[in-house]
Amino acid sequence: MPQLLASTSPATSSVLQLNQSLKMSFQLSVQGSGSVSASAVVEGSHDGQGWLNIATLEASGTTYGTDGGTFETLFPQVRCRLTAVTGTATVFWAS
């Protein structure tokens, strides 16, 4: 799976430009020492300025946690926004 974002603090990924309706999957993983957690929002946009929530991902655990899912969208632009991190979080995507 291609990596979309990796960070130890809140961050926003680059924008994926989509040409058509697309089925895709996203996976959020977080790892570190002790208790780890991360939250991310997958967002879509038609104009690249207003972003709407497609899905929310929440991962937590002891040294590792993960969450994800499959989605279908008509938005031509998609991004992922990491909203909270304890540890190192990585977001992967595939279509």
PDB file of N, CA and C in Angstrom:
ATOM      1  N   MET A   1       0.832  -1.177   0.000  1.00  0.00           N
ATOM      2  CA  MET A   1       0.000   0.000   0.000  1.00  0.00           C
ATOM      3  C   MET A   1       0.881   1.246   0.000  1.00  0.00           C
ATOM      4  N   PRO A   2       0.574   2.220  -0.830  1.00  0.00           N
ATOM      5  CA  PRO A   2       1.351   3.468  -0.801  1.00  0.00           C
ATOM      6  C   PRO A   2       1.120   4.230   0.499  1.00  0.00           C
ATOM      7  N   GLN A   3       2.181   4.834   1.000  1.00  0.00           N
ATOM      8  CA  GLN A   3       2.097   5.640   2.213  1.00  0.00           C
ATOM      9  C   GLN A   3       1.621   7.037   1.843  1.00  0.00           C
ATOM     10  N   LEU A   4       0.609   7.530   2.532  1.00  0.00           N
ATOM     11  CA  LEU A   4       0.060   8.850   2.286  1.00  0.00           C
ATOM     12  C   LEU A   4       0.608   9.873   3.261  1.00  0.00           C
ATOM     13  N   LEU A   5       0.866   9.454   4.501  1.00  0.00           N
ATOM     14  CA  LEU A   5       1.253  10.386   5.551  1.00  0.00           C
ATOM     15  C   LEU A   5       1.931   9.626   6.676  1.00  0.00           C
ATOM     16  N   ALA A   6       2.987  10.191   7.236  1.00  0.00           N
ATOM     17  CA  ALA A   6       3.619   9.653   8.451  1.00  0.00           C
ATOM     18  C   ALA A   6       4.017  10.836   9.309  1.00  0.00           C
ATOM     19  N   SER A   7       3.657  10.794  10.602  1.00  0.00           N
ATOM     20  CA  SER A   7       3.918  11.945  11.455  1.00  0.00           C
ATOM     21  C   SER A   7       3.848  11.560  12.926  1.00  0.00           C
ATOM     22  N   THR A   8       4.532  12.334  13.766  1.00  0.00           N
ATOM     23  CA  THR A   8       4.439  12.190  15.212  1.00  0.00           C
ATOM     24  C   THR A   8       3.577  13.304  15.810  1.00  0.00           C
ATOM     25  N   SER A   9       2.985  14.153  14.944  1.00  0.00           N
ATOM     26  CA  SER A   9       2.112  15.233  15.397  1.00  0.00           C
ATOM     27  C   SER A   9       1.005  15.445  14.367  1.00  0.00           C
ATOM     28  N   PRO A  10      -0.059  16.177  14.722  1.00  0.00           N
ATOM     29  CA  PRO A  10      -1.131  16.420  13.758  1.00  0.00           C
ATOM     30  C   PRO A  10      -0.588  17.014  12.452  1.00  0.00           C
ATOM     31  N   ALA A  11      -1.113  16.535  11.325  1.00  0.00           N
ATOM     32  CA  ALA A  11      -0.631  16.957  10.005  1.00  0.00           C
ATOM     33  C   ALA A  11      -1.699  16.658   8.963  1.00  0.00           C
ATOM     34  N   THR A  12      -1.557  17.246   7.789  1.00  0.00           N
ATOM     35  CA  THR A  12      -2.471  17.001   6.678  1.00  0.00           C
ATOM     36  C   THR A  12      -1.665  16.476   5.495  1.00  0.00           C
ATOM     37  N   SER A  13      -2.171  15.434   4.851  1.00  0.00           N
ATOM     38  CA  SER A  13      -1.473  14.818   3.718  1.00  0.00           C
ATOM     39  C   SER A  13      -1.580  15.691   2.477  1.00  0.00           C
ATOM     40  N   SER A  14      -0.828  15.324   1.472  1.00  0.00           N
ATOM     41  CA  SER A  14      -1.014  15.935   0.163  1.00  0.00           C
ATOM     42  C   SER A  14      -2.360  15.457  -0.385  1.00  0.00           C
ATOM     43  N   VAL A  15      -2.862  16.132  -1.400  1.00  0.00           N
ATOM     44  CA  VAL A  15      -4.174  15.820  -1.963  1.00  0.00           C
ATOM     45  C   VAL A  15      -4.029  14.769  -3.055  1.00  0.00           C
ATOM     46  N   LEU A  16      -4.872  13.742  -2.998  1.00  0.00           N
ATOM     47  CA  LEU A  16      -4.939  12.743  -4.065  1.00  0.00           C
ATOM     48  C   LEU A  16      -5.920  13.256  -5.110  1.00  0.00           C
ATOM     49  N   GLN A  17      -5.507  13.360  -6.358  1.00  0.00           N
ATOM     50  CA  GLN A  17      -6.382  13.789  -7.453  1.00  0.00           C
ATOM     51  C   GLN A  17      -6.966  12.540  -8.109  1.00  0.00           C
ATOM     52  N   LEU A  18      -8.279  12.411  -8.076  1.00  0.00           N
ATOM     53  CA  LEU A  18      -8.955  11.240  -8.618  1.00  0.00           C
ATOM     54  C   LEU A  18      -9.684  11.620  -9.905  1.00  0.00           C
ATOM     55  N   ASN A  19      -9.721  10.726 -10.873  1.00  0.00           N
ATOM     56  CA  ASN A  19     -10.344  11.013 -12.157  1.00  0.00           C
ATOM     57  C   ASN A  19     -11.791  10.557 -12.256  1.00  0.00           C
ATOM     58  N   GLN A  20     -12.234   9.703 -11.354  1.00  0.00           N
ATOM     59  CA  GLN A  20     -13.577   9.136 -11.448  1.00  0.00           C
ATOM     60  C   GLN A  20     -13.970   8.562 -10.103  1.00  0.00           C
ATOM     61  N   SER A  21     -15.169   8.019 -10.021  1.00  0.00           N
ATOM     62  CA  SER A  21     -15.595   7.331  -8.814  1.00  0.00           C
ATOM     63  C   SER A  21     -14.556   6.263  -8.495  1.00  0.00           C
ATOM     64  N   LEU A  22     -14.153   6.191  -7.255  1.00  0.00           N
ATOM     65  CA  LEU A  22     -13.051   5.306  -6.923  1.00  0.00           C
ATOM     66  C   LEU A  22     -13.331   4.563  -5.632  1.00  0.00           C
ATOM     67  N   LYS A  23     -13.148   3.270  -5.680  1.00  0.00           N
ATOM     68  CA  LYS A  23     -13.161   2.460  -4.467  1.00  0.00           C
ATOM     69  C   LYS A  23     -11.739   2.480  -3.935  1.00  0.00           C
ATOM     70  N   MET A  24     -11.607   2.749  -2.650  1.00  0.00           N
ATOM     71  CA  MET A  24     -10.274   2.824  -2.060  1.00  0.00           C
ATOM     72  C   MET A  24     -10.309   2.300  -0.641  1.00  0.00           C
ATOM     73  N   SER A  25      -9.132   2.007  -0.125  1.00  0.00           N
ATOM     74  CA  SER A  25      -9.014   1.617   1.270  1.00  0.00           C
ATOM     75  C   SER A  25      -7.969   2.497   1.934  1.00  0.00           C
ATOM     76  N   PHE A  26      -8.189   2.760   3.214  1.00  0.00           N
ATOM     77  CA  PHE A  26      -7.240   3.508   4.025  1.00  0.00           C
ATOM     78  C   PHE A  26      -6.943   2.687   5.261  1.00  0.00           C
ATOM     79  N   GLN A  27      -5.700   2.748   5.740  1.00  0.00           N
ATOM     80  CA  GLN A  27      -5.320   2.107   6.987  1.00  0.00           C
ATOM     81  C   GLN A  27      -4.465   3.066   7.786  1.00  0.00           C
ATOM     82  N   LEU A  28      -4.870   3.306   9.014  1.00  0.00           N
ATOM     83  CA  LEU A  28      -4.111   4.109   9.966  1.00  0.00           C
ATOM     84  C   LEU A  28      -3.421   3.154  10.925  1.00  0.00           C
ATOM     85  N   SER A  29      -2.127   3.302  11.094  1.00  0.00           N
ATOM     86  CA  SER A  29      -1.419   2.506  12.103  1.00  0.00           C
ATOM     87  C   SER A  29      -0.611   3.448  12.977  1.00  0.00           C
ATOM     88  N   VAL A  30      -0.460   3.077  14.235  1.00  0.00           N
ATOM     89  CA  VAL A  30       0.317   3.869  15.180  1.00  0.00           C
ATOM     90  C   VAL A  30       1.162   2.916  15.997  1.00  0.00           C
ATOM     91  N   GLN A  31       2.410   3.326  16.247  1.00  0.00           N
ATOM     92  CA  GLN A  31       3.282   2.484  17.049  1.00  0.00           C
ATOM     93  C   GLN A  31       4.226   3.335  17.884  1.00  0.00           C
ATOM     94  N   GLY A  32       4.761   2.734  18.932  1.00  0.00           N
ATOM     95  CA  GLY A  32       5.673   3.424  19.828  1.00  0.00           C
ATOM     96  C   GLY A  32       5.846   2.610  21.089  1.00  0.00           C
ATOM     97  N   SER A  33       6.340   3.250  22.133  1.00  0.00           N
ATOM     98  CA  SER A  33       6.552   2.590  23.423  1.00  0.00           C
ATOM     99  C   SER A  33       5.354   2.844  24.318  1.00  0.00           C
ATOM    100  N   GLY A  34       4.873   1.813  24.980  1.00  0.00           N
ATOM    101  CA  GLY A  34       3.749   1.963  25.894  1.00  0.00           C
ATOM    102  C   GLY A  34       2.444   2.192  25.171  1.00  0.00           C
ATOM    103  N   SER A  35       1.606   3.022  25.745  1.00  0.00           N
ATOM    104  CA  SER A  35       0.286   3.303  25.180  1.00  0.00           C
ATOM    105  C   SER A  35       0.416   4.244  23.979  1.00  0.00           C
ATOM    106  N   VAL A  36      -0.189   3.855  22.843  1.00  0.00           N
ATOM    107  CA  VAL A  36      -0.146   4.662  21.625  1.00  0.00           C
ATOM    108  C   VAL A  36      -1.568   4.878  21.116  1.00  0.00           C
ATOM    109  N   SER A  37      -1.791   6.010  20.432  1.00  0.00           N
ATOM    110  CA  SER A  37      -3.101   6.276  19.850  1.00  0.00           C
ATOM    111  C   SER A  37      -2.964   7.304  18.731  1.00  0.00           C
ATOM    112  N   ALA A  38      -3.902   7.249  17.793  1.00  0.00           N
ATOM    113  CA  ALA A  38      -3.942   8.219  16.707  1.00  0.00           C
ATOM    114  C   ALA A  38      -5.364   8.314  16.183  1.00  0.00           C
ATOM    115  N   SER A  39      -5.726   9.502  15.724  1.00  0.00           N
ATOM    116  CA  SER A  39      -7.024   9.759  15.100  1.00  0.00           C
ATOM    117  C   SER A  39      -6.776  10.448  13.771  1.00  0.00           C
ATOM    118  N   ALA A  40      -7.545  10.044  12.755  1.00  0.00           N
ATOM    119  CA  ALA A  40      -7.403  10.656  11.435  1.00  0.00           C
ATOM    120  C   ALA A  40      -8.773  10.784  10.789  1.00  0.00           C
ATOM    121  N   VAL A  41      -8.914  11.782   9.921  1.00  0.00           N
ATOM    122  CA  VAL A  41     -10.142  12.000   9.176  1.00  0.00           C
ATOM    123  C   VAL A  41      -9.801  11.939   7.692  1.00  0.00           C
ATOM    124  N   VAL A  42     -10.518  11.102   6.938  1.00  0.00           N
ATOM    125  CA  VAL A  42     -10.392  11.063   5.479  1.00  0.00           C
ATOM    126  C   VAL A  42     -11.426  12.044   4.949  1.00  0.00           C
ATOM    127  N   GLU A  43     -10.986  12.983   4.103  1.00  0.00           N
ATOM    128  CA  GLU A  43     -11.856  14.043   3.619  1.00  0.00           C
ATOM    129  C   GLU A  43     -11.874  14.097   2.097  1.00  0.00           C
ATOM    130  N   GLY A  44     -12.980  14.574   1.541  1.00  0.00           N
ATOM    131  CA  GLY A  44     -13.111  14.747   0.099  1.00  0.00           C
ATOM    132  C   GLY A  44     -13.545  16.161  -0.230  1.00  0.00           C
ATOM    133  N   SER A  45     -13.213  16.607  -1.465  1.00  0.00           N
ATOM    134  CA  SER A  45     -13.556  17.964  -1.884  1.00  0.00           C
ATOM    135  C   SER A  45     -13.780  18.020  -3.390  1.00  0.00           C
ATOM    136  N   HIS A  46     -14.645  18.921  -3.818  1.00  0.00           N
ATOM    137  CA  HIS A  46     -14.827  19.196  -5.241  1.00  0.00           C
ATOM    138  C   HIS A  46     -13.985  20.388  -5.675  1.00  0.00           C
ATOM    139  N   ASP A  47     -13.726  21.344  -4.765  1.00  0.00           N
ATOM    140  CA  ASP A  47     -13.021  22.562  -5.153  1.00  0.00           C
ATOM    141  C   ASP A  47     -11.639  22.723  -4.529  1.00  0.00           C
ATOM    142  N   GLY A  48     -11.238  21.802  -3.640  1.00  0.00           N
ATOM    143  CA  GLY A  48      -9.923  21.885  -3.007  1.00  0.00           C
ATOM    144  C   GLY A  48      -9.851  22.899  -1.875  1.00  0.00           C
ATOM    145  N   GLN A  49     -10.977  23.525  -1.532  1.00  0.00           N
ATOM    146  CA  GLN A  49     -11.000  24.499  -0.436  1.00  0.00           C
ATOM    147  C   GLN A  49     -11.917  24.055   0.701  1.00  0.00           C
ATOM    148  N   GLY A  50     -13.095  23.558   0.355  1.00  0.00           N
ATOM    149  CA  GLY A  50     -14.023  23.043   1.351  1.00  0.00           C
ATOM    150  C   GLY A  50     -13.896  21.533   1.426  1.00  0.00           C
ATOM    151  N   TRP A  51     -13.611  21.002   2.610  1.00  0.00           N
ATOM    152  CA  TRP A  51     -13.370  19.566   2.777  1.00  0.00           C
ATOM    153  C   TRP A  51     -14.477  18.948   3.622  1.00  0.00           C
ATOM    154  N   LEU A  52     -14.997  17.804   3.176  1.00  0.00           N
ATOM    155  CA  LEU A  52     -16.081  17.099   3.848  1.00  0.00           C
ATOM    156  C   LEU A  52     -15.608  15.731   4.325  1.00  0.00           C
ATOM    157  N   ASN A  53     -16.099  15.333   5.495  1.00  0.00           N
ATOM    158  CA  ASN A  53     -15.690  14.074   6.117  1.00  0.00           C
ATOM    159  C   ASN A  53     -16.216  12.865   5.331  1.00  0.00           C
ATOM    160  N   ILE A  54     -15.323  11.970   4.942  1.00  0.00           N
ATOM    161  CA  ILE A  54     -15.697  10.686   4.339  1.00  0.00           C
ATOM    162  C   ILE A  54     -15.671   9.591   5.410  1.00  0.00           C
ATOM    163  N   ALA A  55     -14.657   9.615   6.264  1.00  0.00           N
ATOM    164  CA  ALA A  55     -14.526   8.592   7.312  1.00  0.00           C
ATOM    165  C   ALA A  55     -13.623   9.096   8.426  1.00  0.00           C
ATOM    166  N   THR A  56     -13.811   8.538   9.621  1.00  0.00           N
ATOM    167  CA  THR A  56     -12.941   8.816  10.760  1.00  0.00           C
ATOM    168  C   THR A  56     -12.271   7.512  11.166  1.00  0.00           C
ATOM    169  N   LEU A  57     -10.951   7.571  11.370  1.00  0.00           N
ATOM    170  CA  LEU A  57     -10.177   6.403  11.771  1.00  0.00           C
ATOM    171  C   LEU A  57      -9.615   6.643  13.172  1.00  0.00           C
ATOM    172  N   GLU A  58      -9.701   5.633  14.043  1.00  0.00           N
ATOM    173  CA  GLU A  58      -9.203   5.706  15.416  1.00  0.00           C
ATOM    174  C   GLU A  58      -8.384   4.450  15.698  1.00  0.00           C
ATOM    175  N   ALA A  59      -7.123   4.614  16.057  1.00  0.00           N
ATOM    176  CA  ALA A  59      -6.256   3.466  16.357  1.00  0.00           C
ATOM    177  C   ALA A  59      -5.618   3.656  17.723  1.00  0.00           C
ATOM    178  N   SER A  60      -5.565   2.576  18.514  1.00  0.00           N
ATOM    179  CA  SER A  60      -4.896   2.643  19.810  1.00  0.00           C
ATOM    180  C   SER A  60      -4.464   1.244  20.236  1.00  0.00           C
ATOM    181  N   GLY A  61      -3.529   1.212  21.156  1.00  0.00           N
ATOM    182  CA  GLY A  61      -3.057  -0.066  21.650  1.00  0.00           C
ATOM    183  C   GLY A  61      -1.835   0.108  22.528  1.00  0.00           C
ATOM    184  N   THR A  62      -1.221  -1.010  22.862  1.00  0.00           N
ATOM    185  CA  THR A  62       0.030  -1.013  23.612  1.00  0.00           C
ATOM    186  C   THR A  62       1.127  -1.352  22.627  1.00  0.00           C
ATOM    187  N   THR A  63       1.930  -0.429  22.272  1.00  0.00           N
ATOM    188  CA  THR A  63       3.019  -0.440  21.286  1.00  0.00           C
ATOM    189  C   THR A  63       2.540  -0.447  19.833  1.00  0.00           C
ATOM    190  N   TYR A  64       1.298  -0.878  19.528  1.00  0.00           N
ATOM    191  CA  TYR A  64       0.790  -0.854  18.148  1.00  0.00           C
ATOM    192  C   TYR A  64      -0.738  -0.842  18.133  1.00  0.00           C
ATOM    193  N   GLY A  65      -1.302  -0.087  17.204  1.00  0.00           N
ATOM    194  CA  GLY A  65      -2.748  -0.083  17.002  1.00  0.00           C
ATOM    195  C   GLY A  65      -3.054   0.228  15.549  1.00  0.00           C
ATOM    196  N   THR A  66      -4.220  -0.215  15.052  1.00  0.00           N
ATOM    197  CA  THR A  66      -4.569   0.024  13.656  1.00  0.00           C
ATOM    198  C   THR A  66      -6.085   0.138  13.481  1.00  0.00           C
ATOM    199  N   ASP A  67      -6.494   0.851  12.445  1.00  0.00           N
ATOM    200  CA  ASP A  67      -7.897   0.972  12.069  1.00  0.00           C
ATOM    201  C   ASP A  67      -7.929   1.286  10.581  1.00  0.00           C
ATOM    202  N   GLY A  68      -9.041   0.990   9.940  1.00  0.00           N
ATOM    203  CA  GLY A  68      -9.148   1.286   8.519  1.00  0.00           C
ATOM    204  C   GLY A  68     -10.465   0.827   7.957  1.00  0.00           C
ATOM    205  N   GLY A  69     -10.568   0.926   6.652  1.00  0.00           N
ATOM    206  CA  GLY A  69     -11.785   0.493   5.998  1.00  0.00           C
ATOM    207  C   GLY A  69     -11.737   0.780   4.515  1.00  0.00           C
ATOM    208  N   THR A  70     -12.783   0.339   3.816  1.00  0.00           N
ATOM    209  CA  THR A  70     -12.899   0.596   2.383  1.00  0.00           C
ATOM    210  C   THR A  70     -14.002   1.626   2.165  1.00  0.00           C
ATOM    211  N   PHE A  71     -13.819   2.459   1.144  1.00  0.00           N
ATOM    212  CA  PHE A  71     -14.729   3.556   0.868  1.00  0.00           C
ATOM    213  C   PHE A  71     -14.885   3.713  -0.632  1.00  0.00           C
ATOM    214  N   GLU A  72     -16.006   4.261  -1.048  1.00  0.00           N
ATOM    215  CA  GLU A  72     -16.199   4.640  -2.445  1.00  0.00           C
ATOM    216  C   GLU A  72     -16.627   6.100  -2.449  1.00  0.00           C
ATOM    217  N   THR A  73     -16.005   6.902  -3.311  1.00  0.00           N
ATOM    218  CA  THR A  73     -16.287   8.324  -3.313  1.00  0.00           C
ATOM    219  C   THR A  73     -16.395   8.871  -4.727  1.00  0.00           C
ATOM    220  N   LEU A  74     -17.174   9.925  -4.877  1.00  0.00           N
ATOM    221  CA  LEU A  74     -17.254  10.654  -6.140  1.00  0.00           C
ATOM    222  C   LEU A  74     -16.454  11.949  -6.068  1.00  0.00           C
ATOM    223  N   PHE A  75     -15.874  12.266  -4.915  1.00  0.00           N
ATOM    224  CA  PHE A  75     -15.055  13.471  -4.801  1.00  0.00           C
ATOM    225  C   PHE A  75     -13.815  13.345  -5.679  1.00  0.00           C
ATOM    226  N   PRO A  76     -13.486  14.375  -6.461  1.00  0.00           N
ATOM    227  CA  PRO A  76     -12.289  14.306  -7.295  1.00  0.00           C
ATOM    228  C   PRO A  76     -10.991  14.523  -6.513  1.00  0.00           C
ATOM    229  N   GLN A  77     -11.093  15.022  -5.275  1.00  0.00           N
ATOM    230  CA  GLN A  77      -9.913  15.254  -4.455  1.00  0.00           C
ATOM    231  C   GLN A  77     -10.141  14.630  -3.078  1.00  0.00           C
ATOM    232  N   VAL A  78      -9.132  13.929  -2.598  1.00  0.00           N
ATOM    233  CA  VAL A  78      -9.213  13.267  -1.295  1.00  0.00           C
ATOM    234  C   VAL A  78      -7.906  13.526  -0.549  1.00  0.00           C
ATOM    235  N   ARG A  79      -8.023  13.729   0.753  1.00  0.00           N
ATOM    236  CA  ARG A  79      -6.838  13.885   1.603  1.00  0.00           C
ATOM    237  C   ARG A  79      -7.106  13.227   2.944  1.00  0.00           C
ATOM    238  N   CYS A  80      -6.068  13.111   3.762  1.00  0.00           N
ATOM    239  CA  CYS A  80      -6.203  12.577   5.112  1.00  0.00           C
ATOM    240  C   CYS A  80      -5.613  13.594   6.084  1.00  0.00           C
ATOM    241  N   ARG A  81      -6.341  13.843   7.154  1.00  0.00           N
ATOM    242  CA  ARG A  81      -5.894  14.789   8.169  1.00  0.00           C
ATOM    243  C   ARG A  81      -5.718  14.034   9.479  1.00  0.00           C
ATOM    244  N   LEU A  82      -4.485  13.985   9.961  1.00  0.00           N
ATOM    245  CA  LEU A  82      -4.155  13.353  11.235  1.00  0.00           C
ATOM    246  C   LEU A  82      -4.461  14.377  12.321  1.00  0.00           C
ATOM    247  N   THR A  83      -5.415  14.064  13.200  1.00  0.00           N
ATOM    248  CA  THR A  83      -5.877  15.060  14.166  1.00  0.00           C
ATOM    249  C   THR A  83      -5.254  14.922  15.554  1.00  0.00           C
ATOM    250  N   ALA A  84      -4.785  13.739  15.916  1.00  0.00           N
ATOM    251  CA  ALA A  84      -4.151  13.522  17.216  1.00  0.00           C
ATOM    252  C   ALA A  84      -3.222  12.315  17.126  1.00  0.00           C
ATOM    253  N   VAL A  85      -2.060  12.418  17.794  1.00  0.00           N
ATOM    254  CA  VAL A  85      -1.078  11.320  17.751  1.00  0.00           C
ATOM    255  C   VAL A  85      -0.346  11.214  19.078  1.00  0.00           C
ATOM    256  N   THR A  86      -0.231   9.986  19.575  1.00  0.00           N
ATOM    257  CA  THR A  86       0.688   9.643  20.660  1.00  0.00           C
ATOM    258  C   THR A  86       1.471   8.447  20.116  1.00  0.00           C
ATOM    259  N   GLY A  87       2.730   8.674  19.763  1.00  0.00           N
ATOM    260  CA  GLY A  87       3.539   7.672  19.070  1.00  0.00           C
ATOM    261  C   GLY A  87       3.835   8.168  17.665  1.00  0.00           C
ATOM    262  N   THR A  88       4.074   7.253  16.735  1.00  0.00           N
ATOM    263  CA  THR A  88       4.290   7.591  15.323  1.00  0.00           C
ATOM    264  C   THR A  88       3.173   6.977  14.507  1.00  0.00           C
ATOM    265  N   ALA A  89       2.435   7.830  13.795  1.00  0.00           N
ATOM    266  CA  ALA A  89       1.292   7.362  13.023  1.00  0.00           C
ATOM    267  C   ALA A  89       1.622   7.364  11.540  1.00  0.00           C
ATOM    268  N   THR A  90       1.091   6.375  10.809  1.00  0.00           N
ATOM    269  CA  THR A  90       1.260   6.270   9.367  1.00  0.00           C
ATOM    270  C   THR A  90      -0.091   5.967   8.747  1.00  0.00           C
ATOM    271  N   VAL A  91      -0.411   6.640   7.638  1.00  0.00           N
ATOM    272  CA  VAL A  91      -1.643   6.368   6.901  1.00  0.00           C
ATOM    273  C   VAL A  91      -1.259   5.824   5.532  1.00  0.00           C
ATOM    274  N   PHE A  92      -1.849   4.683   5.179  1.00  0.00           N
ATOM    275  CA  PHE A  92      -1.638   4.054   3.885  1.00  0.00           C
ATOM    276  C   PHE A  92      -2.952   4.099   3.105  1.00  0.00           C
ATOM    277  N   TRP A  93      -2.870   4.039   1.775  1.00  0.00           N
ATOM    278  CA  TRP A  93      -4.081   3.993   0.971  1.00  0.00           C
ATOM    279  C   TRP A  93      -3.841   3.112  -0.245  1.00  0.00           C
ATOM    280  N   ALA A  94      -4.911   2.603  -0.814  1.00  0.00           N
ATOM    281  CA  ALA A  94      -4.840   1.801  -2.044  1.00  0.00           C
ATOM    282  C   ALA A  94      -6.165   1.937  -2.763  1.00  0.00           C
ATOM    283  N   SER A  95      -6.123   1.795  -4.079  1.00  0.00           N
ATOM    284  CA  SER A  95      -7.364   1.842  -4.866  1.00  0.00           C
ATOM    285  C   SER A  95      -7.420   0.649  -5.788  1.00  0.00           C
TER     286      SER A  95
END
